Amino acid sequence: MICPIDRIIYGDVLIIINFSMDFLALYITARIMHLKLNPKRITLSSLIGAIYSLVILSLNPSSAISGIISLAIAFLLTVTAYGKQKKITLLKNTAVFYIVNFALGGGITAICNI
């Protein structure tokens, strides 16, 4: 008989981890794209991302809806962090932000599995 595993997620830990990862990803994106860094804007953007992670976990939407919302939030985070941008610049910055997030997530996963 297979016993299901209960997973407990603490909201405060989730917010701290997501805030830190978003901040780092936004910082690295700014460095890669040669964008002006504004610590207050990046902090606010990271806070929005951290709160979003808690909200999306609580709502547990379907994967299609979750993907669309996540994409919209990524655009919101880049606009909040770097200010008003041309559409093509916003698209590039958001794409780099996603790539950096995937690389960081993969790196953290690899370190945890070692």
Protein backbone atom coordinates (compact mmCIF):
# COMPACT_ATOMS: atom_id res chain seq x y z
CA MET A 1 0.00 0.00 0.00
CA ILE A 2 1.35 3.40 -0.97
CA CYS A 3 1.06 6.06 1.68
CA PRO A 4 0.52 9.61 0.45
CA ILE A 5 3.07 12.14 1.61
CA ASP A 6 1.71 15.28 3.20
CA ARG A 7 3.67 18.37 2.31
CA ILE A 8 3.67 21.30 4.71
CA ILE A 9 4.59 24.69 3.30
CA TYR A 10 5.15 27.56 5.70
CA GLY A 11 4.00 30.88 4.26
CA ASP A 12 6.72 32.95 5.88
CA VAL A 13 9.45 30.67 4.53
CA LEU A 14 7.84 30.68 1.08
CA ILE A 15 7.75 34.48 1.05
CA ILE A 16 11.37 34.83 2.20
CA ILE A 17 12.67 32.31 -0.35
CA ASN A 18 10.66 33.78 -3.23
CA PHE A 19 11.55 37.34 -2.28
CA SER A 20 15.25 36.42 -2.23
CA MET A 21 15.11 34.53 -5.53
CA ASP A 22 13.12 37.28 -7.27
CA PHE A 23 15.51 39.94 -5.96
CA LEU A 24 18.53 37.99 -7.15
CA ALA A 25 16.96 37.24 -10.55
CA LEU A 26 15.98 40.89 -11.05
CA TYR A 27 19.46 42.03 -10.01
CA ILE A 28 21.17 39.59 -12.40
CA THR A 29 18.76 40.55 -15.19
CA ALA A 30 19.58 44.22 -14.66
CA ARG A 31 23.32 43.45 -14.86
CA ILE A 32 22.95 41.32 -18.00
CA MET A 33 20.74 43.89 -19.74
CA HIS A 34 22.78 46.89 -18.50
CA LEU A 35 19.79 48.45 -16.75
CA LYS A 36 19.90 51.10 -14.08
CA LEU A 37 19.40 49.54 -10.65
CA ASN A 38 16.98 51.15 -8.25
CA PRO A 39 17.05 49.21 -4.95
CA LYS A 40 13.59 50.44 -3.89
CA ARG A 41 11.98 49.38 -7.18
CA ILE A 42 13.67 45.98 -7.19
CA THR A 43 12.67 45.46 -3.54
CA LEU A 44 9.05 46.36 -4.30
CA SER A 45 9.05 44.11 -7.35
CA SER A 46 10.50 41.22 -5.34
CA LEU A 47 7.86 41.74 -2.65
CA ILE A 48 5.10 41.58 -5.28
CA GLY A 49 6.59 38.33 -6.59
CA ALA A 50 6.83 36.87 -3.09
CA ILE A 51 3.22 37.72 -2.27
CA TYR A 52 2.14 36.32 -5.64
CA SER A 53 3.78 32.98 -4.80
CA LEU A 54 1.71 32.75 -1.64
CA VAL A 55 -1.50 33.76 -3.41
CA ILE A 56 -1.05 31.33 -6.32
CA LEU A 57 -0.29 28.51 -3.88
CA SER A 58 -3.46 29.29 -1.93
CA LEU A 59 -5.69 29.50 -5.01
CA ASN A 60 -4.29 26.39 -6.73
CA PRO A 61 -5.61 27.33 -10.22
CA SER A 62 -5.44 25.07 -13.27
CA SER A 63 -2.06 24.89 -14.97
CA ALA A 64 -3.21 26.91 -18.00
CA ILE A 65 -4.56 29.74 -15.87
CA SER A 66 -1.52 29.56 -13.61
CA GLY A 67 0.81 29.87 -16.61
CA ILE A 68 -1.01 32.90 -17.98
CA ILE A 69 -1.07 34.61 -14.58
CA SER A 70 2.61 33.81 -14.02
CA LEU A 71 3.53 35.36 -17.36
CA ALA A 72 1.53 38.49 -16.56
CA ILE A 73 3.19 38.72 -13.14
CA ALA A 74 6.65 38.40 -14.75
CA PHE A 75 5.84 41.40 -16.95
CA LEU A 76 4.55 43.27 -13.88
CA LEU A 77 7.75 42.48 -11.96
CA THR A 78 9.99 43.75 -14.76
CA VAL A 79 7.95 46.94 -15.19
CA THR A 80 7.99 47.52 -11.43
CA ALA A 81 11.72 46.84 -11.15
CA TYR A 82 12.97 48.75 -14.20
CA GLY A 83 10.24 51.31 -14.90
CA LYS A 84 8.38 52.12 -18.09
CA GLN A 85 9.93 50.42 -21.13
CA LYS A 86 9.30 50.10 -24.83
CA LYS A 87 7.34 46.95 -25.68
CA ILE A 88 10.31 45.16 -27.28
CA THR A 89 12.58 46.10 -24.36
CA LEU A 90 9.96 44.86 -21.90
CA LEU A 91 9.72 41.58 -23.82
CA LYS A 92 13.51 41.15 -23.82
CA ASN A 93 13.86 42.02 -20.13
CA THR A 94 11.07 39.64 -19.16
CA ALA A 95 12.59 36.85 -21.27
CA VAL A 96 15.98 37.33 -19.62
CA PHE A 97 14.26 37.43 -16.21
CA TYR A 98 12.63 34.06 -17.00
CA ILE A 99 15.90 32.54 -18.22
CA VAL A 100 17.72 33.74 -15.10
CA ASN A 101 14.93 32.32 -12.91
CA PHE A 102 15.13 28.93 -14.63
CA ALA A 103 18.92 28.89 -14.32
CA LEU A 104 18.80 29.83 -10.63
CA GLY A 105 16.05 27.29 -9.93
CA GLY A 106 17.98 24.56 -11.74
CA GLY A 107 21.17 25.50 -9.94
CA ILE A 108 19.51 25.41 -6.53
CA THR A 109 17.90 22.06 -7.34
CA ALA A 110 21.27 20.64 -8.43
CA ILE A 111 22.94 21.84 -5.22
CA CYS A 112 20.14 20.30 -3.10
CA ASN A 113 20.53 16.96 -4.90
CA ILE A 114 24.29 16.73 -4.37
